């Protein structure tokens, strides 16, 4: 699954266009590497997203294509640090 689509489906970022722009601006990392909007995400990958001064670090646990709001949180687990 593309990173921009993953961020939208998991509700980490609410709109795909915003997720795409975050990737283009270098604010999204997959396993420590800068992600492009079309970069592929697999289960077990570590994703870091920078929001202003805060960072969110998550581990991909499930790839759900048409995730509902109730199942979106099953797609990742938060990691401290």
Protein backbone atom coordinates (compact mmCIF):
# COMPACT_ATOMS: atom_id res chain seq x y z
CA UNK A 1 0.00 0.00 0.00
CA UNK A 2 1.25 3.51 -0.80
CA UNK A 3 2.34 5.59 2.21
CA UNK A 4 -0.02 8.47 1.39
CA UNK A 5 -2.96 6.05 1.23
CA UNK A 6 -1.86 4.32 4.45
CA UNK A 7 -1.68 7.61 6.35
CA UNK A 8 -5.19 8.52 5.19
CA UNK A 9 -6.76 5.08 5.81
CA UNK A 10 -5.21 4.81 9.27
CA UNK A 11 -6.48 8.32 10.10
CA UNK A 12 -2.97 9.48 11.07
CA UNK A 13 -3.50 12.27 8.50
CA UNK A 14 -7.09 13.07 7.57
CA UNK A 15 -6.72 13.82 3.84
CA UNK A 16 -4.62 12.07 1.22
CA UNK A 17 -3.52 15.37 -0.35
CA UNK A 18 -2.15 16.50 3.02
CA UNK A 19 -0.38 13.13 3.41
CA UNK A 20 1.11 13.54 -0.07
CA UNK A 21 2.38 17.03 0.76
CA UNK A 22 3.89 15.81 4.05
CA UNK A 23 5.84 13.17 2.10
CA UNK A 24 6.98 15.67 -0.53
CA UNK A 25 8.23 18.00 2.22
CA UNK A 26 10.32 15.26 3.87
CA UNK A 27 8.22 14.98 7.04
CA UNK A 28 7.53 11.23 6.66
CA UNK A 29 10.11 8.49 7.19
CA UNK A 30 9.74 4.76 6.55
CA UNK A 31 12.34 2.69 8.43
CA UNK A 32 14.52 5.81 8.73
CA UNK A 33 14.41 6.70 5.01
CA UNK A 34 12.58 9.71 3.58
CA UNK A 35 9.33 8.56 1.97
CA UNK A 36 7.89 9.70 -1.35
CA UNK A 37 4.07 9.68 -1.70
CA UNK A 38 4.26 6.47 -3.75
CA UNK A 39 6.60 4.60 -1.39
CA UNK A 40 5.23 1.21 -0.43
CA UNK A 41 4.45 0.26 3.17
CA UNK A 42 4.55 -3.31 4.48
CA UNK A 43 3.53 -4.84 7.80
CA UNK A 44 6.31 -4.40 10.35
CA UNK A 45 7.58 -1.11 8.90
CA UNK A 46 8.31 1.78 11.26
CA UNK A 47 6.80 5.10 10.15
CA UNK A 48 7.76 8.48 11.62
CA UNK A 49 5.67 11.57 10.89
CA UNK A 50 6.68 15.07 11.98
CA UNK A 51 3.84 17.44 12.90
CA UNK A 52 5.34 20.87 13.61
CA UNK A 53 7.34 20.32 16.81
CA UNK A 54 5.94 16.87 17.65
CA UNK A 55 6.81 13.47 16.23
CA UNK A 56 4.64 10.39 15.85
CA UNK A 57 6.35 7.01 15.53
CA UNK A 58 4.23 3.96 14.72
CA UNK A 59 4.69 0.34 13.67
CA UNK A 60 2.49 -0.95 10.84
CA UNK A 61 0.51 -3.95 12.12
CA UNK A 62 -2.15 -4.41 9.43
CA UNK A 63 -2.91 -3.09 5.94
CA UNK A 64 -6.66 -2.52 5.53
CA UNK A 65 -7.60 -1.08 2.13
CA UNK A 66 -11.00 0.44 2.94
CA UNK A 67 -10.58 0.95 6.68
CA UNK A 68 -13.56 2.27 8.60
CA UNK A 69 -13.12 4.67 11.50
CA UNK A 70 -13.60 1.81 13.97
CA UNK A 71 -10.89 -0.38 12.35
CA UNK A 72 -8.37 2.36 11.51
CA UNK A 73 -6.50 2.04 14.82
CA UNK A 74 -5.86 -1.68 14.11
CA UNK A 75 -3.52 -0.64 11.28
CA UNK A 76 -0.72 0.57 13.56
CA UNK A 77 0.59 0.68 17.11
CA UNK A 78 2.31 3.68 18.64
CA UNK A 79 5.98 3.41 19.63
CA UNK A 80 7.59 5.55 22.31
CA UNK A 81 10.71 7.49 21.47
